[in-house]
């Protein structure tokens, strides 16, 4: 191999050993543990170049070196392939997620899986209503003057609202309202549904004008214009282990996770389903996450429904983490879009 490839092999060895042992890595350890086919003197020279380039650093007077944020970035950018999950792991993921009974259960299971597979903190964003489309709107008569609206999206999200009409409706009128609303809303993106509802009120039959107006107001105000942003977190206990030697960083990461706006902003930037994004240390805009790495991806078929990922120390198993985040996101997307 040429000098550049050899130095990257040395960097890769330092990353692997430091992630595994959490101890600075010396040239002798690299020669003993990795079959690079070169002497300790050559490795020391390569380490000197890597240090000069800012890719590794000497934390104290020992001979060992640790990767810097810049070194992790070069490692992540140049890894040829992520660590593949075994067929048994993939079957276990699929079986575990497919056993979920509803959207809430799918997302709860997802964070548990990610936390277990990566040993980091896992976070999943609920599907945002503005990215979803209406699969069906059910109108149920609770009493002749009270209806329940049940909005079901393509992501499996279900929202219910009870509406008092003030006027009594027949079963036939309720059926007509159901057909009118579904005809206007089914297949519509929720971000565009308010216009469809407003148009329906104007074009609807005169004898249903009053109940249509009431139902439209409820739909627009509570289901369309104010989508709820929610997060599910799992594996927060992993932080204690991962940051045992860095209590200051632990406190900062916990504070960042408590600020859901920070995490939502990270997940919202995962615009492409299947494209894993890795932010390392100083690359994170949030100051409290400058001592962490964040691996995120969008889930869903085509346009992502939401984002998911993990937060942990820069000293993480990047190939394994990227593979786990990607695999879980794919299965979640398949399950939700297939519901």
Protein backbone atom coordinates (compact mmCIF):
# COMPACT_ATOMS: atom_id res chain seq x y z
CA UNK A 1 0.00 0.00 0.00
CA UNK A 2 1.12 3.58 -0.57
CA UNK A 3 2.00 5.95 2.27
CA UNK A 4 -1.47 7.55 2.37
CA UNK A 5 -3.25 4.21 2.55
CA UNK A 6 -0.81 2.96 5.19
CA UNK A 7 -1.39 6.03 7.36
CA UNK A 8 -5.13 5.56 7.07
CA UNK A 9 -4.65 1.94 8.13
CA UNK A 10 -2.77 3.22 11.19
CA UNK A 11 -5.54 5.72 11.91
CA UNK A 12 -8.14 2.98 11.54
CA UNK A 13 -6.21 0.79 13.96
CA UNK A 14 -5.99 3.63 16.51
CA UNK A 15 -9.74 4.27 16.21
CA UNK A 16 -10.59 0.58 16.58
CA UNK A 17 -8.33 0.03 19.58
CA UNK A 18 -9.32 3.23 21.35
CA UNK A 19 -13.04 2.46 20.94
CA UNK A 20 -12.39 -1.05 22.27
CA UNK A 21 -10.01 -0.32 25.15
CA UNK A 22 -10.70 3.36 25.91
CA UNK A 23 -6.93 3.70 26.37
CA UNK A 24 -4.40 5.66 24.27
CA UNK A 25 -2.86 3.47 21.57
CA UNK A 26 0.91 3.07 21.03
CA UNK A 27 2.87 1.94 18.01
CA UNK A 28 3.81 -1.40 19.59
CA UNK A 29 0.14 -2.25 20.21
CA UNK A 30 -0.70 -1.45 16.59
CA UNK A 31 2.06 -3.74 15.31
CA UNK A 32 1.04 -6.53 17.67
CA UNK A 33 -2.74 -6.33 17.08
CA UNK A 34 -2.95 -5.39 13.41
CA UNK A 35 -1.29 -7.08 10.48
CA UNK A 36 0.05 -3.97 8.74
CA UNK A 37 3.28 -5.58 7.58
CA UNK A 38 5.49 -2.72 8.74
CA UNK A 39 7.83 -2.06 11.64
CA UNK A 40 7.16 -0.11 14.82
CA UNK A 41 9.46 2.63 13.53
CA UNK A 42 7.34 3.04 10.41
CA UNK A 43 4.17 3.16 12.49
CA UNK A 44 5.73 5.79 14.75
CA UNK A 45 6.62 7.90 11.72
CA UNK A 46 3.07 7.55 10.39
CA UNK A 47 1.67 8.51 13.79
CA UNK A 48 3.84 11.63 13.79
CA UNK A 49 2.37 12.65 10.41
CA UNK A 50 -1.17 11.91 11.59
CA UNK A 51 -0.57 14.01 14.70
CA UNK A 52 0.86 16.87 12.63
CA UNK A 53 -2.27 16.72 10.44
CA UNK A 54 -4.48 16.97 13.53
CA UNK A 55 -5.97 13.49 13.14
CA UNK A 56 -4.64 12.06 16.41
CA UNK A 57 -3.45 13.62 19.65
CA UNK A 58 -1.39 12.74 22.71
CA UNK A 59 -3.63 13.17 25.78
CA UNK A 60 -0.70 13.06 28.22
CA UNK A 61 2.96 12.17 28.35
CA UNK A 62 2.47 8.49 27.52
CA UNK A 63 3.44 7.21 24.09
CA UNK A 64 -0.17 6.47 23.22
CA UNK A 65 -2.39 8.50 20.92
CA UNK A 66 -6.16 8.95 20.59
CA UNK A 67 -8.21 10.07 17.59
CA UNK A 68 -9.35 13.69 17.34
CA UNK A 69 -12.74 14.78 15.96
CA UNK A 70 -10.97 15.39 12.65
CA UNK A 71 -9.51 11.89 12.78
CA UNK A 72 -12.91 10.32 13.44
CA UNK A 73 -14.32 12.32 10.52
CA UNK A 74 -11.67 11.05 8.12
CA UNK A 75 -12.23 7.53 9.38
CA UNK A 76 -16.01 7.74 8.88
CA UNK A 77 -15.64 9.32 5.44
CA UNK A 78 -13.24 6.62 4.24
CA UNK A 79 -14.66 3.43 5.66
CA UNK A 80 -15.44 1.28 2.66
CA UNK A 81 -18.36 -0.56 4.22
CA UNK A 82 -20.29 -0.52 7.45
CA UNK A 83 -20.19 -3.52 9.72
CA UNK A 84 -22.95 -5.82 8.40
CA UNK A 85 -25.52 -7.17 10.79
CA UNK A 86 -25.76 -10.93 10.87
CA UNK A 87 -28.78 -12.64 9.36
CA UNK A 88 -29.82 -13.64 12.87
CA UNK A 89 -29.68 -10.02 14.02
CA UNK A 90 -31.75 -8.87 11.04
CA UNK A 91 -34.36 -11.57 11.63
CA UNK A 92 -34.52 -10.61 15.30
CA UNK A 93 -35.03 -6.94 14.42
CA UNK A 94 -37.75 -7.73 11.91
CA UNK A 95 -39.58 -10.13 14.23
CA UNK A 96 -39.38 -7.76 17.20
CA UNK A 97 -40.70 -4.76 15.26
CA UNK A 98 -43.41 -6.68 13.41
CA UNK A 99 -44.82 -7.77 16.77
CA UNK A 100 -45.81 -4.17 17.53
CA UNK A 101 -49.53 -3.52 17.84
CA UNK A 102 -49.64 0.17 16.88
CA UNK A 103 -47.49 3.21 16.05
CA UNK A 104 -46.60 3.95 19.67
CA UNK A 105 -45.46 0.35 20.14
CA UNK A 106 -43.39 0.43 16.93
CA UNK A 107 -41.48 3.51 18.06
CA UNK A 108 -41.00 2.28 21.64
CA UNK A 109 -39.59 -0.99 20.31
CA UNK A 110 -37.38 0.92 17.86
CA UNK A 111 -35.57 2.92 20.55
CA UNK A 112 -35.12 -0.19 22.68
CA UNK A 113 -33.56 -2.00 19.73
CA UNK A 114 -31.26 0.87 18.79
CA UNK A 115 -30.12 1.32 22.38
CA UNK A 116 -29.39 -2.39 22.73
CA UNK A 117 -27.62 -2.74 19.38
CA UNK A 118 -25.45 0.38 19.72
CA UNK A 119 -25.18 0.73 23.52
CA UNK A 120 -25.90 4.43 23.06
CA UNK A 121 -28.88 6.68 23.69
CA UNK A 122 -31.48 6.12 20.98
CA UNK A 123 -34.04 8.69 19.88
CA UNK A 124 -36.94 8.41 17.44
CA UNK A 125 -39.17 11.21 16.21
CA UNK A 126 -42.87 10.58 15.79
CA UNK A 127 -44.01 10.92 12.18
CA UNK A 128 -44.69 14.60 11.58
CA UNK A 129 -48.23 15.24 10.48
CA UNK A 130 -47.15 17.68 7.78
CA UNK A 131 -45.27 14.87 6.01
CA UNK A 132 -48.09 12.35 6.32
CA UNK A 133 -51.09 11.78 4.10
CA UNK A 134 -54.64 10.93 5.10
CA UNK A 135 -55.44 7.28 4.67
CA UNK A 136 -58.97 7.45 6.05
CA UNK A 137 -61.25 9.68 8.10
CA UNK A 138 -63.89 7.82 10.07
CA UNK A 139 -66.97 9.65 11.33
CA UNK A 140 -68.73 7.86 14.18
CA UNK A 141 -72.06 8.95 15.66
CA UNK A 142 -71.79 8.81 19.44
CA UNK A 143 -75.24 10.38 19.80
CA UNK A 144 -77.47 12.00 17.14
CA UNK A 145 -75.83 15.36 17.99
CA UNK A 146 -72.27 14.26 18.83
CA UNK A 147 -69.72 12.81 16.41
CA UNK A 148 -66.24 11.40 16.80
CA UNK A 149 -63.66 12.04 14.08
CA UNK A 150 -60.92 9.42 13.72
CA UNK A 151 -58.12 10.52 11.38
CA UNK A 152 -55.78 7.74 10.24
CA UNK A 153 -52.58 8.62 8.37
CA UNK A 154 -50.39 6.54 6.11
CA UNK A 155 -47.81 6.34 8.91
CA UNK A 156 -50.28 4.61 11.22
CA UNK A 157 -50.87 7.67 13.34
CA UNK A 158 -54.40 7.95 14.73
CA UNK A 159 -55.99 11.17 16.06
CA UNK A 160 -59.45 11.34 17.58
CA UNK A 161 -61.66 14.33 18.27
CA UNK A 162 -65.20 14.48 19.66
CA UNK A 163 -67.39 17.18 18.12
CA UNK A 164 -70.66 18.49 19.54
CA UNK A 165 -72.84 19.66 16.65
CA UNK A 166 -75.79 21.15 18.45
CA UNK A 167 -78.07 19.78 15.72
CA UNK A 168 -79.40 16.25 15.40
CA UNK A 169 -78.25 14.25 12.35
CA UNK A 170 -79.73 11.12 10.85
CA UNK A 171 -77.63 8.04 10.12
CA UNK A 172 -77.91 8.91 6.44
CA UNK A 173 -76.51 12.41 7.02
CA UNK A 174 -73.61 10.98 9.02
CA UNK A 175 -72.83 8.61 6.14
CA UNK A 176 -72.96 11.51 3.66
CA UNK A 177 -70.57 13.55 5.82
CA UNK A 178 -68.21 10.59 6.03
CA UNK A 179 -68.20 10.18 2.25
CA UNK A 180 -67.76 13.90 1.61
CA UNK A 181 -64.85 14.26 4.03
CA UNK A 182 -63.07 11.13 2.83
CA UNK A 183 -63.54 12.15 -0.77
CA UNK A 184 -61.86 15.48 -0.05
CA UNK A 185 -59.12 14.30 2.31
CA UNK A 186 -58.10 10.73 1.42
CA UNK A 187 -54.61 10.79 -0.11
CA UNK A 188 -54.04 14.45 0.78
CA UNK A 189 -50.90 15.56 2.60
CA UNK A 190 -51.92 16.97 5.94
CA UNK A 191 -50.06 20.16 5.20
CA UNK A 192 -52.41 20.71 2.26
CA UNK A 193 -55.54 19.26 3.80
CA UNK A 194 -56.75 22.53 5.31
CA UNK A 195 -57.34 23.98 1.84
CA UNK A 196 -59.23 20.85 0.78
CA UNK A 197 -61.44 21.07 3.87
CA UNK A 198 -62.15 24.76 3.26
CA UNK A 199 -63.06 24.08 -0.37
CA UNK A 200 -65.38 21.28 0.71
CA UNK A 201 -67.31 23.61 3.03
CA UNK A 202 -67.89 26.07 0.20
CA UNK A 203 -68.92 23.40 -2.32
CA UNK A 204 -70.84 21.12 0.05
CA UNK A 205 -74.60 20.52 -0.03
CA UNK A 206 -76.61 23.35 1.60
CA UNK A 207 -78.43 21.05 4.03
CA UNK A 208 -75.08 19.89 5.51
CA UNK A 209 -73.46 23.30 5.56
CA UNK A 210 -73.68 23.76 9.35
CA UNK A 211 -72.23 20.38 10.43
CA UNK A 212 -69.60 20.56 7.66
CA UNK A 213 -68.44 23.94 8.92
CA UNK A 214 -68.18 22.67 12.49
CA UNK A 215 -66.25 19.55 11.49
CA UNK A 216 -63.96 21.52 9.18
CA UNK A 217 -63.09 23.93 11.98
CA UNK A 218 -62.10 21.06 14.25
CA UNK A 219 -60.01 19.39 11.56
CA UNK A 220 -58.16 22.55 10.57
CA UNK A 221 -57.49 23.85 14.06
CA UNK A 222 -56.52 20.68 15.87
CA UNK A 223 -55.22 18.25 13.25
CA UNK A 224 -53.69 20.28 10.45
CA UNK A 225 -52.31 23.61 11.57
CA UNK A 226 -50.74 22.42 14.83
CA UNK A 227 -48.90 19.13 14.24
CA UNK A 228 -47.48 17.69 17.43
CA UNK A 229 -43.74 16.99 17.59
CA UNK A 230 -42.90 14.14 19.92
CA UNK A 231 -39.80 12.12 20.69
CA UNK A 232 -39.17 8.71 22.18
CA UNK A 233 -35.86 8.15 23.99
CA UNK A 234 -34.30 4.90 25.08
CA UNK A 235 -31.07 3.72 26.65
CA UNK A 236 -30.30 6.89 28.59
CA UNK A 237 -28.62 4.68 31.17
CA UNK A 238 -25.91 3.99 28.58
CA UNK A 239 -24.71 7.56 29.04
CA UNK A 240 -23.52 6.82 32.55
CA UNK A 241 -21.25 4.06 31.31
CA UNK A 242 -20.07 5.83 28.16
CA UNK A 243 -19.23 9.09 29.93
CA UNK A 244 -17.98 7.62 33.21
CA UNK A 245 -14.62 9.36 32.76
CA UNK A 246 -16.15 12.61 31.49
CA UNK A 247 -18.81 13.74 34.00
CA UNK A 248 -18.86 17.27 32.55
CA UNK A 249 -19.72 15.96 29.09
CA UNK A 250 -22.35 13.65 30.58
CA UNK A 251 -24.14 16.59 32.17
CA UNK A 252 -24.02 18.58 28.91
CA UNK A 253 -25.41 15.72 26.81
CA UNK A 254 -28.22 15.13 29.30
CA UNK A 255 -29.13 18.81 29.18
CA UNK A 256 -29.19 18.70 25.37
CA UNK A 257 -31.47 15.66 25.37
CA UNK A 258 -33.82 17.41 27.77
CA UNK A 259 -34.09 20.26 25.27
CA UNK A 260 -36.23 18.42 22.76
CA UNK A 261 -35.99 21.31 20.31
CA UNK A 262 -32.28 20.58 19.93
CA UNK A 263 -32.88 16.91 19.17
CA UNK A 264 -35.81 17.63 16.86
CA UNK A 265 -33.62 19.99 14.88
CA UNK A 266 -31.02 17.25 14.47
CA UNK A 267 -33.59 14.69 13.36
CA UNK A 268 -35.38 17.14 11.08
CA UNK A 269 -32.17 17.56 9.11
CA UNK A 270 -32.35 13.86 8.18
CA UNK A 271 -34.24 14.63 5.00
CA UNK A 272 -33.30 11.57 2.93
CA UNK A 273 -34.54 8.13 3.90
CA UNK A 274 -31.67 5.66 3.91
CA UNK A 275 -28.93 8.33 4.00
CA UNK A 276 -27.16 8.11 7.35
CA UNK A 277 -25.66 11.36 8.65
CA UNK A 278 -22.82 11.41 11.18
CA UNK A 279 -21.98 14.57 13.14
CA UNK A 280 -18.83 14.35 15.21
CA UNK A 281 -17.97 16.56 18.17
CA UNK A 282 -17.47 20.14 17.06
CA UNK A 283 -19.61 19.53 13.95
CA UNK A 284 -22.70 19.65 16.16
CA UNK A 285 -24.30 23.09 16.26
CA UNK A 286 -25.62 22.60 19.79
CA UNK A 287 -22.84 23.50 22.21
CA UNK A 288 -23.91 20.82 24.70
CA UNK A 289 -23.32 18.14 22.04
CA UNK A 290 -19.78 19.24 21.12
CA UNK A 291 -18.46 16.31 23.12
CA UNK A 292 -20.72 13.78 21.42
CA UNK A 293 -21.37 12.16 18.07
CA UNK A 294 -24.85 11.97 16.59
CA UNK A 295 -25.80 9.36 13.97
CA UNK A 296 -29.18 10.00 12.33
CA UNK A 297 -31.28 8.86 9.39
CA UNK A 298 -34.78 9.50 8.06
CA UNK A 299 -37.24 6.61 8.05
CA UNK A 300 -40.10 6.01 5.65
CA UNK A 301 -40.55 5.16 2.00
CA UNK A 302 -39.59 8.03 -0.31
CA UNK A 303 -40.22 11.17 1.73
CA UNK A 304 -39.16 10.43 5.31
CA UNK A 305 -41.90 10.37 7.92
CA UNK A 306 -39.48 11.35 10.68
CA UNK A 307 -35.95 10.84 11.92
CA UNK A 308 -34.18 8.45 14.25
CA UNK A 309 -30.68 7.99 15.51
CA UNK A 310 -28.31 7.65 18.43
CA UNK A 311 -26.27 10.02 20.59
CA UNK A 312 -23.05 8.93 22.24
CA UNK A 313 -19.41 9.79 22.81
CA UNK A 314 -17.13 10.46 19.85
CA UNK A 315 -15.43 7.24 20.92
CA UNK A 316 -18.11 5.00 19.39
CA UNK A 317 -18.17 2.03 17.04
CA UNK A 318 -19.08 4.00 13.91
CA UNK A 319 -19.37 1.08 11.43
CA UNK A 320 -21.58 -0.92 13.79
CA UNK A 321 -23.65 2.11 14.81
CA UNK A 322 -24.25 3.24 11.22
CA UNK A 323 -25.31 -0.29 10.26
CA UNK A 324 -27.72 -0.62 13.19
CA UNK A 325 -29.33 2.80 12.67
CA UNK A 326 -29.75 2.12 8.95
CA UNK A 327 -31.24 -1.36 9.48
CA UNK A 328 -33.76 -0.34 12.15
CA UNK A 329 -34.84 2.70 10.09
CA UNK A 330 -35.46 0.52 7.03
CA UNK A 331 -37.61 -1.95 8.95
CA UNK A 332 -39.56 0.81 10.70
CA UNK A 333 -40.21 2.49 7.36
CA UNK A 334 -41.42 -0.76 5.81
CA UNK A 335 -43.73 -1.51 8.73
CA UNK A 336 -45.28 1.96 8.91
CA UNK A 337 -45.76 2.46 5.17
CA UNK A 338 -47.22 -1.04 4.92
CA UNK A 339 -49.83 -0.48 7.62
